[in-house]
Amino acid sequence: MEEKPRKDFEGVSGKGQVDGDQLPCFAKRNYVFMLLGVCLIGLGFGIMSMETAAYGLGFLGLVLGPVIVLLGFSIQFLAIFYRS
């Protein structure tokens, strides 16, 4: 009985080259969510830097900015795991 050669990695040829018939990792919607997340992270850091209180200890630097940054990272997490 002859054994078939085992293919551990579908779509990869013997020299480590990827075949052309593979699907992309993410859909367009995922990339849009990722861009939105990056923009929110940048906006949050921008808001934190606009704080006028001493050492950034006001509302913008301690509450609003970090919440927006956390929201941006949450959207990044969802964008990576979202499947349509």
Protein backbone atom coordinates (compact mmCIF):
# COMPACT_ATOMS: atom_id res chain seq x y z
CA MET A 1 0.00 0.00 0.00
CA GLU A 2 1.52 3.28 -1.12
CA GLU A 3 1.29 6.32 1.14
CA LYS A 4 0.43 9.71 -0.29
CA PRO A 5 2.79 12.56 0.49
CA ARG A 6 1.53 14.63 3.39
CA LYS A 7 0.65 18.28 2.75
CA ASP A 8 0.90 20.21 6.00
CA PHE A 9 0.44 23.62 4.45
CA GLU A 10 -2.27 23.90 1.85
CA GLY A 11 -1.47 26.37 -0.91
CA VAL A 12 2.29 26.40 -0.31
CA SER A 13 4.58 24.86 -2.89
CA GLY A 14 7.74 22.96 -2.03
CA LYS A 15 10.02 26.03 -2.07
CA GLY A 16 7.96 28.15 0.32
CA GLN A 17 6.11 30.05 -2.38
CA VAL A 18 2.41 30.71 -1.97
CA ASP A 19 0.10 29.56 -4.76
CA GLY A 20 -2.00 32.23 -6.43
CA ASP A 21 -5.41 30.71 -5.66
CA GLN A 22 -5.52 31.54 -1.94
CA LEU A 23 -8.12 33.83 -0.45
CA PRO A 24 -6.95 37.05 1.23
CA CYS A 25 -6.66 37.07 5.02
CA PHE A 26 -9.15 39.85 5.62
CA ALA A 27 -12.12 41.27 3.76
CA LYS A 28 -12.50 44.93 2.84
CA ARG A 29 -14.77 45.47 5.85
CA ASN A 30 -12.01 44.28 8.20
CA TYR A 31 -9.55 46.79 6.76
CA VAL A 32 -12.10 49.59 7.14
CA PHE A 33 -12.56 48.65 10.81
CA MET A 34 -8.79 48.53 11.29
CA LEU A 35 -8.42 52.00 9.78
CA LEU A 36 -11.20 53.30 12.03
CA GLY A 37 -9.47 51.78 15.06
CA VAL A 38 -6.12 53.37 14.17
CA CYS A 39 -7.81 56.75 13.70
CA LEU A 40 -9.53 56.46 17.09
CA ILE A 41 -6.25 55.55 18.78
CA GLY A 42 -4.57 58.57 17.22
CA LEU A 43 -7.50 60.79 18.19
CA GLY A 44 -7.34 59.56 21.77
CA PHE A 45 -3.63 60.33 22.05
CA GLY A 46 -4.24 63.71 20.44
CA ILE A 47 -6.94 64.50 23.00
CA MET A 48 -4.64 63.48 25.83
CA SER A 49 -1.93 65.79 24.51
CA MET A 50 -4.36 68.74 24.34
CA GLU A 51 -4.83 68.73 28.10
CA THR A 52 -4.12 72.16 29.59
CA ALA A 53 -4.14 71.12 33.25
CA ALA A 54 -0.84 70.62 35.02
CA TYR A 55 0.79 67.26 34.12
CA GLY A 56 -2.30 66.24 32.14
CA LEU A 57 -4.38 65.65 35.24
CA GLY A 58 -7.65 67.04 33.89
CA PHE A 59 -10.71 65.45 32.32
CA LEU A 60 -9.23 65.20 28.81
CA GLY A 61 -5.97 63.57 29.91
CA LEU A 62 -7.37 61.18 32.50
CA VAL A 63 -10.83 60.23 31.25
CA LEU A 64 -11.79 61.11 27.69
CA GLY A 65 -8.50 60.38 25.91
CA PRO A 66 -7.87 56.96 27.48
CA VAL A 67 -11.48 55.89 26.90
CA ILE A 68 -11.19 56.74 23.19
CA VAL A 69 -7.84 54.91 22.96
CA LEU A 70 -9.40 51.86 24.63
CA LEU A 71 -12.32 52.03 22.20
CA GLY A 72 -9.86 52.16 19.29
CA PHE A 73 -8.00 49.08 20.52
CA SER A 74 -11.32 47.28 21.02
CA ILE A 75 -12.30 48.02 17.43
CA GLN A 76 -8.89 46.70 16.30
CA PHE A 77 -9.53 43.47 18.20
CA LEU A 78 -12.97 43.09 16.64
CA ALA A 79 -11.64 43.90 13.16
CA ILE A 80 -9.12 41.08 13.38
CA PHE A 81 -11.64 38.46 14.54
CA TYR A 82 -14.68 39.60 12.50
CA ARG A 83 -15.79 37.15 9.81
CA SER A 84 -18.60 37.82 7.39
